[in-house]
Amino acid sequence: MALLREHFASYRPLVTATALGGAAAVFDTVSARLTERIATGDLRRLRDSALITLGRTHVQLATALLGAVMAAQLAEGGHADAELWGAATKAHGIDTANSATAELALLLGASGFRADCQTAKTRRDLSGLLYADGIHDSLYRTAGKQHTTTKDGTNAVPAPRDQPNPVSLMA
């Protein structure tokens, strides 16, 4: 089991970086298409909503990639939290890549949803990663569990207080 945990600690950041790279390619495609449309006069200017989408997705992709790099460094160094970081950053990075490409595709218009469009293919591939390694809820649960468990494995969250026996209101 230790070997498997070590493998996933190293593997998950690589998968995350790959997914984020796919989303970055969609980002580049959308940016280039919008720039081209302005240059040819198809668009007079970009709307604020398009600029906000570009700015937000750029930051989301960059910060998710930084998390993946951190997880990879922890795995490389054999850090005790490497598995946790790998799981959490994979779930976050894949979610980020999926939401970013969904928003960016809207800026391409109908062409971004055609079956032969590279953006649509990338979106299909990324959606498959939502299920690889298990549903992301399990990866997020793993990350959340560390905040409720002490180092010796006991539950850090106190058990619920005993409830008095309910009194019947029917006498």
N, C-alpha and C. Protein backbone atom coordinates (compact mmCIF):
# COMPACT_ATOMS: atom_id res chain seq x y z
N MET A 1 0.82 -1.19 0.00
CA MET A 1 0.00 0.00 0.00
C MET A 1 0.87 1.26 0.00
N ALA A 2 1.99 1.20 0.70
CA ALA A 2 2.89 2.35 0.75
C ALA A 2 3.42 2.69 -0.64
N LEU A 3 3.73 1.68 -1.43
CA LEU A 3 4.21 1.90 -2.79
C LEU A 3 3.13 2.56 -3.65
N LEU A 4 1.90 2.12 -3.50
CA LEU A 4 0.78 2.70 -4.24
C LEU A 4 0.57 4.16 -3.84
N ARG A 5 0.63 4.43 -2.55
CA ARG A 5 0.47 5.81 -2.08
C ARG A 5 1.58 6.71 -2.63
N GLU A 6 2.78 6.21 -2.65
CA GLU A 6 3.92 6.97 -3.19
C GLU A 6 3.72 7.23 -4.68
N HIS A 7 3.24 6.21 -5.39
CA HIS A 7 2.98 6.37 -6.83
C HIS A 7 1.96 7.47 -7.08
N PHE A 8 0.83 7.42 -6.38
CA PHE A 8 -0.21 8.41 -6.60
C PHE A 8 0.23 9.81 -6.17
N ALA A 9 1.06 9.89 -5.14
CA ALA A 9 1.57 11.19 -4.71
C ALA A 9 2.36 11.85 -5.84
N SER A 10 3.09 11.06 -6.63
CA SER A 10 3.86 11.59 -7.76
C SER A 10 3.03 11.73 -9.02
N TYR A 11 2.10 10.81 -9.22
CA TYR A 11 1.32 10.75 -10.46
C TYR A 11 0.25 11.84 -10.54
N ARG A 12 -0.44 12.09 -9.46
CA ARG A 12 -1.55 13.05 -9.49
C ARG A 12 -1.12 14.46 -9.90
N PRO A 13 0.00 14.99 -9.42
CA PRO A 13 0.40 16.32 -9.90
C PRO A 13 0.70 16.35 -11.40
N LEU A 14 1.19 15.24 -11.94
CA LEU A 14 1.46 15.19 -13.39
C LEU A 14 0.16 15.22 -14.18
N VAL A 15 -0.84 14.47 -13.72
CA VAL A 15 -2.15 14.48 -14.38
C VAL A 15 -2.75 15.89 -14.30
N THR A 16 -2.61 16.49 -13.14
CA THR A 16 -3.13 17.85 -12.94
C THR A 16 -2.47 18.83 -13.90
N ALA A 17 -1.16 18.77 -14.00
CA ALA A 17 -0.44 19.67 -14.90
C ALA A 17 -0.85 19.44 -16.36
N THR A 18 -1.08 18.19 -16.72
CA THR A 18 -1.52 17.88 -18.08
C THR A 18 -2.89 18.50 -18.36
N ALA A 19 -3.81 18.34 -17.42
CA ALA A 19 -5.15 18.92 -17.58
C ALA A 19 -5.09 20.44 -17.67
N LEU A 20 -4.29 21.03 -16.81
CA LEU A 20 -4.15 22.49 -16.84
C LEU A 20 -3.50 22.95 -18.14
N GLY A 21 -2.59 22.14 -18.68
CA GLY A 21 -1.99 22.46 -19.98
C GLY A 21 -3.03 22.43 -21.09
N GLY A 22 -3.95 21.47 -21.04
CA GLY A 22 -5.04 21.43 -22.02
C GLY A 22 -5.91 22.66 -21.92
N ALA A 23 -6.22 23.06 -20.69
CA ALA A 23 -7.03 24.26 -20.49
C ALA A 23 -6.27 25.51 -20.95
N ALA A 24 -4.95 25.53 -20.72
CA ALA A 24 -4.14 26.66 -21.18
C ALA A 24 -4.13 26.74 -22.71
N ALA A 25 -4.15 25.60 -23.38
CA ALA A 25 -4.22 25.60 -24.85
C ALA A 25 -5.55 26.20 -25.32
N VAL A 26 -6.62 25.88 -24.63
CA VAL A 26 -7.92 26.48 -24.95
C VAL A 26 -7.86 27.98 -24.70
N PHE A 27 -7.25 28.38 -23.61
CA PHE A 27 -7.07 29.80 -23.31
C PHE A 27 -6.34 30.50 -24.45
N ASP A 28 -5.25 29.91 -24.91
CA ASP A 28 -4.48 30.50 -26.01
C ASP A 28 -5.31 30.59 -27.29
N THR A 29 -6.09 29.55 -27.57
CA THR A 29 -6.94 29.54 -28.76
C THR A 29 -7.96 30.67 -28.70
N VAL A 30 -8.60 30.80 -27.55
CA VAL A 30 -9.63 31.84 -27.39
C VAL A 30 -9.00 33.22 -27.49
N SER A 31 -7.87 33.43 -26.82
CA SER A 31 -7.18 34.73 -26.88
C SER A 31 -6.80 35.08 -28.32
N ALA A 32 -6.25 34.12 -29.03
CA ALA A 32 -5.85 34.36 -30.42
C ALA A 32 -7.06 34.66 -31.31
N ARG A 33 -8.13 33.91 -31.11
CA ARG A 33 -9.34 34.14 -31.91
C ARG A 33 -9.92 35.52 -31.65
N LEU A 34 -9.98 35.93 -30.41
CA LEU A 34 -10.51 37.25 -30.09
C LEU A 34 -9.62 38.36 -30.65
N THR A 35 -8.32 38.18 -30.54
CA THR A 35 -7.37 39.16 -31.09
C THR A 35 -7.53 39.25 -32.60
N GLU A 36 -7.69 38.11 -33.26
CA GLU A 36 -7.88 38.08 -34.71
C GLU A 36 -9.18 38.79 -35.11
N ARG A 37 -10.23 38.56 -34.36
CA ARG A 37 -11.52 39.18 -34.68
C ARG A 37 -11.47 40.69 -34.53
N ILE A 38 -10.70 41.17 -33.57
CA ILE A 38 -10.54 42.62 -33.41
C ILE A 38 -9.71 43.17 -34.57
N ALA A 39 -8.63 42.46 -34.94
CA ALA A 39 -7.75 42.91 -36.02
C ALA A 39 -8.47 42.96 -37.36
N THR A 40 -9.37 42.03 -37.60
CA THR A 40 -10.09 41.99 -38.89
C THR A 40 -11.33 42.88 -38.89
N GLY A 41 -11.67 43.45 -37.74
CA GLY A 41 -12.84 44.33 -37.67
C GLY A 41 -14.14 43.61 -37.38
N ASP A 42 -14.10 42.30 -37.17
CA ASP A 42 -15.32 41.58 -36.80
C ASP A 42 -15.87 42.07 -35.47
N LEU A 43 -14.97 42.46 -34.59
CA LEU A 43 -15.34 43.04 -33.29
C LEU A 43 -14.70 44.41 -33.19
N ARG A 44 -15.47 45.38 -32.70
CA ARG A 44 -14.87 46.71 -32.48
C ARG A 44 -14.03 46.71 -31.22
N ARG A 45 -14.53 46.04 -30.20
CA ARG A 45 -13.81 45.96 -28.92
C ARG A 45 -14.32 44.74 -28.17
N LEU A 46 -13.55 44.33 -27.18
CA LEU A 46 -13.98 43.21 -26.33
C LEU A 46 -14.83 43.76 -25.19
N ARG A 47 -15.88 43.06 -24.89
CA ARG A 47 -16.73 43.44 -23.76
C ARG A 47 -15.98 43.18 -22.45
N ASP A 48 -16.38 43.91 -21.44
CA ASP A 48 -15.77 43.72 -20.13
C ASP A 48 -15.91 42.28 -19.65
N SER A 49 -17.06 41.66 -19.93
CA SER A 49 -17.28 40.28 -19.47
C SER A 49 -16.26 39.33 -20.09
N ALA A 50 -15.90 39.55 -21.36
CA ALA A 50 -14.88 38.71 -22.00
C ALA A 50 -13.52 38.93 -21.37
N LEU A 51 -13.18 40.19 -21.09
CA LEU A 51 -11.90 40.49 -20.46
C LEU A 51 -11.83 39.93 -19.05
N ILE A 52 -12.94 39.98 -18.33
CA ILE A 52 -12.99 39.41 -16.98
C ILE A 52 -12.78 37.90 -17.05
N THR A 53 -13.44 37.25 -18.00
CA THR A 53 -13.28 35.80 -18.15
C THR A 53 -11.84 35.45 -18.46
N LEU A 54 -11.22 36.19 -19.37
CA LEU A 54 -9.81 35.93 -19.70
C LEU A 54 -8.91 36.14 -18.48
N GLY A 55 -9.10 37.24 -17.78
CA GLY A 55 -8.27 37.52 -16.60
C GLY A 55 -8.47 36.50 -15.50
N ARG A 56 -9.73 36.16 -15.22
CA ARG A 56 -10.01 35.21 -14.15
C ARG A 56 -9.46 33.82 -14.48
N THR A 57 -9.67 33.35 -15.70
CA THR A 57 -9.19 32.01 -16.03
C THR A 57 -7.67 31.95 -16.05
N HIS A 58 -7.03 33.04 -16.47
CA HIS A 58 -5.56 33.05 -16.45
C HIS A 58 -5.05 32.85 -15.02
N VAL A 59 -5.62 33.59 -14.08
CA VAL A 59 -5.19 33.49 -12.68
C VAL A 59 -5.54 32.12 -12.11
N GLN A 60 -6.73 31.61 -12.42
CA GLN A 60 -7.13 30.30 -11.91
C GLN A 60 -6.19 29.21 -12.41
N LEU A 61 -5.86 29.24 -13.68
CA LEU A 61 -4.97 28.22 -14.23
C LEU A 61 -3.56 28.33 -13.64
N ALA A 62 -3.07 29.55 -13.50
CA ALA A 62 -1.72 29.75 -12.95
C ALA A 62 -1.65 29.28 -11.49
N THR A 63 -2.63 29.62 -10.69
CA THR A 63 -2.57 29.24 -9.27
C THR A 63 -2.78 27.74 -9.09
N ALA A 64 -3.63 27.14 -9.91
CA ALA A 64 -3.81 25.68 -9.82
C ALA A 64 -2.51 24.98 -10.22
N LEU A 65 -1.82 25.52 -11.22
CA LEU A 65 -0.54 24.94 -11.62
C LEU A 65 0.50 25.09 -10.51
N LEU A 66 0.49 26.20 -9.82
CA LEU A 66 1.42 26.37 -8.70
C LEU A 66 1.17 25.32 -7.62
N GLY A 67 -0.10 25.02 -7.37
CA GLY A 67 -0.43 23.97 -6.40
C GLY A 67 0.09 22.62 -6.86
N ALA A 68 -0.05 22.33 -8.15
CA ALA A 68 0.45 21.06 -8.70
C ALA A 68 1.97 20.98 -8.58
N VAL A 69 2.65 22.08 -8.84
CA VAL A 69 4.11 22.11 -8.71
C VAL A 69 4.51 21.86 -7.26
N MET A 70 3.80 22.48 -6.33
CA MET A 70 4.08 22.26 -4.91
C MET A 70 3.87 20.80 -4.53
N ALA A 71 2.78 20.20 -5.02
CA ALA A 71 2.50 18.79 -4.73
C ALA A 71 3.60 17.90 -5.31
N ALA A 72 4.07 18.22 -6.51
CA ALA A 72 5.13 17.43 -7.13
C ALA A 72 6.43 17.54 -6.33
N GLN A 73 6.73 18.72 -5.83
CA GLN A 73 7.94 18.90 -5.02
C GLN A 73 7.85 18.11 -3.71
N LEU A 74 6.68 18.12 -3.10
CA LEU A 74 6.51 17.35 -1.86
C LEU A 74 6.68 15.85 -2.14
N ALA A 75 6.13 15.39 -3.26
CA ALA A 75 6.25 13.97 -3.61
C ALA A 75 7.70 13.61 -3.89
N GLU A 76 8.39 14.48 -4.61
CA GLU A 76 9.80 14.23 -4.94
C GLU A 76 10.66 14.14 -3.68
N GLY A 77 10.31 14.96 -2.68
CA GLY A 77 11.08 14.97 -1.44
C GLY A 77 10.62 13.94 -0.43
N GLY A 78 9.59 13.16 -0.77
CA GLY A 78 9.10 12.14 0.15
C GLY A 78 8.42 12.71 1.38
N HIS A 79 7.85 13.88 1.27
CA HIS A 79 7.20 14.55 2.40
C HIS A 79 5.98 13.76 2.86
N ALA A 80 5.71 13.80 4.15
CA ALA A 80 4.59 13.04 4.73
C ALA A 80 3.24 13.48 4.17
N ASP A 81 3.10 14.74 3.76
CA ASP A 81 1.84 15.25 3.23
C ASP A 81 1.75 15.18 1.71
N ALA A 82 2.68 14.49 1.06
CA ALA A 82 2.69 14.44 -0.40
C ALA A 82 1.43 13.82 -0.98
N GLU A 83 0.96 12.75 -0.38
CA GLU A 83 -0.26 12.10 -0.90
C GLU A 83 -1.46 13.03 -0.77
N LEU A 84 -1.56 13.68 0.36
CA LEU A 84 -2.65 14.62 0.61
C LEU A 84 -2.63 15.76 -0.40
N TRP A 85 -1.47 16.36 -0.60
CA TRP A 85 -1.35 17.46 -1.55
C TRP A 85 -1.65 16.99 -2.97
N GLY A 86 -1.19 15.80 -3.31
CA GLY A 86 -1.47 15.27 -4.65
C GLY A 86 -2.96 15.09 -4.88
N ALA A 87 -3.67 14.55 -3.89
CA ALA A 87 -5.11 14.34 -4.01
C ALA A 87 -5.85 15.67 -4.10
N ALA A 88 -5.53 16.57 -3.20
CA ALA A 88 -6.25 17.85 -3.16
C ALA A 88 -5.99 18.69 -4.40
N THR A 89 -4.73 18.76 -4.82
CA THR A 89 -4.44 19.60 -5.99
C THR A 89 -4.96 18.98 -7.27
N LYS A 90 -5.04 17.65 -7.33
CA LYS A 90 -5.62 17.02 -8.52
C LYS A 90 -7.09 17.37 -8.61
N ALA A 91 -7.81 17.20 -7.52
CA ALA A 91 -9.24 17.52 -7.54
C ALA A 91 -9.45 18.99 -7.91
N HIS A 92 -8.71 19.86 -7.28
CA HIS A 92 -8.86 21.30 -7.55
C HIS A 92 -8.42 21.64 -8.98
N GLY A 93 -7.30 21.10 -9.41
CA GLY A 93 -6.79 21.42 -10.74
C GLY A 93 -7.70 20.93 -11.85
N ILE A 94 -8.24 19.73 -11.71
CA ILE A 94 -9.14 19.20 -12.73
C ILE A 94 -10.44 20.00 -12.74
N ASP A 95 -10.96 20.31 -11.56
CA ASP A 95 -12.16 21.15 -11.50
C ASP A 95 -11.91 22.51 -12.14
N THR A 96 -10.76 23.09 -11.85
CA THR A 96 -10.40 24.39 -12.41
C THR A 96 -10.29 24.32 -13.93
N ALA A 97 -9.61 23.29 -14.44
CA ALA A 97 -9.46 23.14 -15.89
C ALA A 97 -10.81 22.99 -16.57
N ASN A 98 -11.70 22.21 -15.97
CA ASN A 98 -13.03 22.02 -16.54
C ASN A 98 -13.84 23.30 -16.55
N SER A 99 -13.87 24.00 -15.44
CA SER A 99 -14.67 25.22 -15.40
C SER A 99 -14.08 26.31 -16.30
N ALA A 100 -12.77 26.38 -16.37
CA ALA A 100 -12.13 27.38 -17.23
C ALA A 100 -12.45 27.13 -18.70
N THR A 101 -12.33 25.88 -19.13
CA THR A 101 -12.60 25.60 -20.54
C THR A 101 -14.08 25.78 -20.88
N ALA A 102 -14.96 25.51 -19.93
CA ALA A 102 -16.39 25.72 -20.17
C ALA A 102 -16.67 27.21 -20.38
N GLU A 103 -16.07 28.05 -19.56
CA GLU A 103 -16.27 29.50 -19.70
C GLU A 103 -15.61 30.04 -20.97
N LEU A 104 -14.41 29.56 -21.25
CA LEU A 104 -13.70 30.05 -22.43
C LEU A 104 -14.39 29.65 -23.73
N ALA A 105 -14.96 28.46 -23.76
CA ALA A 105 -15.64 28.00 -24.98
C ALA A 105 -16.78 28.94 -25.36
N LEU A 106 -17.41 29.54 -24.39
CA LEU A 106 -18.50 30.48 -24.67
C LEU A 106 -18.00 31.67 -25.48
N LEU A 107 -16.74 32.06 -25.28
CA LEU A 107 -16.19 33.20 -26.01
C LEU A 107 -15.90 32.88 -27.47
N LEU A 108 -15.89 31.59 -27.81
CA LEU A 108 -15.70 31.19 -29.21
C LEU A 108 -17.01 31.16 -29.98
N GLY A 109 -18.10 31.19 -29.25
CA GLY A 109 -19.40 31.08 -29.91
C GLY A 109 -19.66 29.65 -30.32
N ALA A 110 -20.53 29.46 -31.29
CA ALA A 110 -20.95 28.12 -31.72
C ALA A 110 -19.77 27.26 -32.17
N SER A 111 -18.75 27.88 -32.74
CA SER A 111 -17.62 27.09 -33.23
C SER A 111 -16.90 26.35 -32.10
N GLY A 112 -16.99 26.86 -30.88
CA GLY A 112 -16.35 26.21 -29.75
C GLY A 112 -17.04 24.94 -29.29
N PHE A 113 -18.20 24.65 -29.87
CA PHE A 113 -18.98 23.48 -29.45
C PHE A 113 -19.15 22.45 -30.56
N ARG A 114 -18.57 22.72 -31.72
CA ARG A 114 -18.65 21.76 -32.82
C ARG A 114 -17.82 20.53 -32.49
N ALA A 115 -18.27 19.38 -32.95
CA ALA A 115 -17.59 18.12 -32.65
C ALA A 115 -16.16 18.10 -33.18
N ASP A 116 -15.90 18.79 -34.28
CA ASP A 116 -14.56 18.78 -34.87
C ASP A 116 -13.64 19.87 -34.32
N CYS A 117 -14.12 20.63 -33.34
CA CYS A 117 -13.33 21.70 -32.75
C CYS A 117 -12.39 21.14 -31.67
N GLN A 118 -11.15 21.55 -31.70
CA GLN A 118 -10.17 21.09 -30.71
C GLN A 118 -10.59 21.48 -29.29
N THR A 119 -11.21 22.63 -29.16
CA THR A 119 -11.69 23.06 -27.84
C THR A 119 -12.74 22.09 -27.31
N ALA A 120 -13.67 21.67 -28.15
CA ALA A 120 -14.70 20.72 -27.72
C ALA A 120 -14.07 19.38 -27.36
N LYS A 121 -13.07 18.95 -28.13
CA LYS A 121 -12.39 17.69 -27.82
C LYS A 121 -11.66 17.79 -26.48
N THR A 122 -10.99 18.89 -26.25
CA THR A 122 -10.29 19.09 -24.99
C THR A 122 -11.27 19.08 -23.82
N ARG A 123 -12.41 19.71 -24.01
CA ARG A 123 -13.43 19.71 -22.95
C ARG A 123 -13.91 18.29 -22.66
N ARG A 124 -14.10 17.47 -23.70
CA ARG A 124 -14.53 16.08 -23.49
C ARG A 124 -13.46 15.30 -22.72
N ASP A 125 -12.20 15.48 -23.11
CA ASP A 125 -11.11 14.79 -22.41
C ASP A 125 -11.03 15.22 -20.95
N LEU A 126 -11.15 16.50 -20.69
CA LEU A 126 -11.09 16.99 -19.32
C LEU A 126 -12.25 16.49 -18.48
N SER A 127 -13.42 16.37 -19.09
CA SER A 127 -14.56 15.87 -18.31
C SER A 127 -14.34 14.42 -17.89
N GLY A 128 -13.61 13.65 -18.69
CA GLY A 128 -13.27 12.29 -18.29
C GLY A 128 -12.37 12.24 -17.08
N LEU A 129 -11.54 13.26 -16.92
CA LEU A 129 -10.63 13.30 -15.77
C LEU A 129 -11.37 13.57 -14.46
N LEU A 130 -12.61 14.05 -14.55
CA LEU A 130 -13.39 14.23 -13.33
C LEU A 130 -13.65 12.90 -12.64
N TYR A 131 -13.60 11.82 -13.40
CA TYR A 131 -13.91 10.50 -12.85
C TYR A 131 -12.67 9.62 -12.68
N ALA A 132 -11.57 9.98 -13.29
CA ALA A 132 -10.35 9.21 -13.13
C ALA A 132 -9.88 9.34 -11.69
N ASP A 133 -9.35 8.28 -11.13
CA ASP A 133 -8.87 8.31 -9.75
C ASP A 133 -10.02 8.36 -8.76
N GLY A 134 -11.21 8.13 -9.20
CA GLY A 134 -12.36 8.22 -8.31
C GLY A 134 -13.01 9.59 -8.41
N ILE A 135 -14.22 9.64 -7.98
CA ILE A 135 -14.95 10.90 -7.99
C ILE A 135 -14.21 11.90 -7.11
N HIS A 136 -14.20 13.14 -7.52
CA HIS A 136 -13.42 14.15 -6.81
C HIS A 136 -13.87 14.36 -5.37
N ASP A 137 -15.11 14.01 -5.06
CA ASP A 137 -15.54 14.14 -3.67
C ASP A 137 -14.64 13.34 -2.75
N SER A 138 -14.20 12.16 -3.20
CA SER A 138 -13.33 11.34 -2.35
C SER A 138 -11.96 12.01 -2.17
N LEU A 139 -11.46 12.69 -3.19
CA LEU A 139 -10.18 13.38 -3.06
C LEU A 139 -10.32 14.59 -2.14
N TYR A 140 -11.41 15.33 -2.29
CA TYR A 140 -11.64 16.46 -1.38
C TYR A 140 -11.88 15.98 0.05
N ARG A 141 -12.59 14.86 0.19
CA ARG A 141 -12.84 14.30 1.52
C ARG A 141 -11.51 13.94 2.20
N THR A 142 -10.59 13.34 1.43
CA THR A 142 -9.26 13.01 1.95
C THR A 142 -8.56 14.27 2.46
N ALA A 143 -8.66 15.34 1.68
CA ALA A 143 -8.03 16.60 2.09
C ALA A 143 -8.70 17.17 3.32
N GLY A 144 -10.02 17.09 3.40
CA GLY A 144 -10.74 17.63 4.53
C GLY A 144 -10.54 16.82 5.80
N LYS A 145 -10.35 15.53 5.63
CA LYS A 145 -10.20 14.64 6.79
C LYS A 145 -8.99 15.02 7.64
N GLN A 146 -7.94 15.50 7.01
CA GLN A 146 -6.74 15.86 7.77
C GLN A 146 -7.01 16.98 8.77
N HIS A 147 -8.04 17.77 8.53
CA HIS A 147 -8.33 18.87 9.44
C HIS A 147 -9.17 18.43 10.64
N THR A 148 -9.64 17.19 10.61
CA THR A 148 -10.47 16.70 11.71
C THR A 148 -9.86 15.48 12.39
N THR A 149 -8.60 15.19 12.09
CA THR A 149 -7.93 14.03 12.66
C THR A 149 -6.60 14.49 13.26
N THR A 150 -6.28 13.99 14.45
CA THR A 150 -5.01 14.33 15.07
C THR A 150 -3.91 13.46 14.48
N LYS A 151 -2.69 13.78 14.83
CA LYS A 151 -1.54 13.03 14.30
C LYS A 151 -1.56 11.56 14.70
N ASP A 152 -2.17 11.23 15.83
CA ASP A 152 -2.21 9.83 16.25
C ASP A 152 -3.41 9.08 15.65
N GLY A 153 -4.15 9.77 14.76
CA GLY A 153 -5.24 9.11 14.05
C GLY A 153 -6.59 9.21 14.74
N THR A 154 -6.64 9.86 15.88
CA THR A 154 -7.93 9.99 16.55
C THR A 154 -8.68 11.20 16.00
N ASN A 155 -9.96 11.20 16.20
CA ASN A 155 -10.79 12.26 15.68
C ASN A 155 -10.62 13.52 16.52
N ALA A 156 -10.24 14.63 15.88
CA ALA A 156 -10.02 15.89 16.59
C ALA A 156 -11.33 16.62 16.87
N VAL A 157 -12.38 16.27 16.16
CA VAL A 157 -13.67 16.90 16.38
C VAL A 157 -14.36 16.17 17.52
N PRO A 158 -14.79 16.89 18.54
CA PRO A 158 -15.40 16.21 19.68
C PRO A 158 -16.67 15.47 19.27
N ALA A 159 -16.90 14.36 19.94
CA ALA A 159 -18.12 13.59 19.68
C ALA A 159 -19.32 14.41 20.14
N PRO A 160 -20.46 14.22 19.51
CA PRO A 160 -21.65 14.96 19.95
C PRO A 160 -21.98 14.65 21.40
N ARG A 161 -22.50 15.64 22.10
CA ARG A 161 -22.91 15.43 23.48
C ARG A 161 -24.07 14.46 23.51
N ASP A 162 -24.12 13.72 24.58
CA ASP A 162 -25.26 12.81 24.72
C ASP A 162 -26.52 13.64 24.80
N GLN A 163 -27.52 13.21 24.07
CA GLN A 163 -28.81 13.89 24.08
C GLN A 163 -29.69 13.22 25.13
N PRO A 164 -30.40 14.00 25.90
CA PRO A 164 -31.33 13.36 26.83
C PRO A 164 -32.42 12.64 26.03
N ASN A 165 -32.95 11.62 26.63
CA ASN A 165 -34.03 10.90 25.96
C ASN A 165 -35.17 11.86 25.67
N PRO A 166 -35.69 11.80 24.45
CA PRO A 166 -36.77 12.73 24.11
C PRO A 166 -38.00 12.42 24.98
N VAL A 167 -38.64 13.46 25.38
CA VAL A 167 -39.84 13.35 26.20
C VAL A 167 -41.05 13.30 25.28
N SER A 168 -41.86 12.33 25.46
CA SER A 168 -43.05 12.22 24.64
C SER A 168 -44.03 13.32 24.99
N LEU A 169 -44.52 13.99 24.00
CA LEU A 169 -45.51 15.01 24.23
C LEU A 169 -46.92 14.42 24.23
N MET A 170 -47.01 13.16 23.98
CA MET A 170 -48.30 12.48 23.95
C MET A 170 -48.48 11.76 25.30
N ALA A 171 -49.32 12.28 26.19
CA ALA A 171 -49.46 11.62 27.48
C ALA A 171 -50.83 11.04 27.65
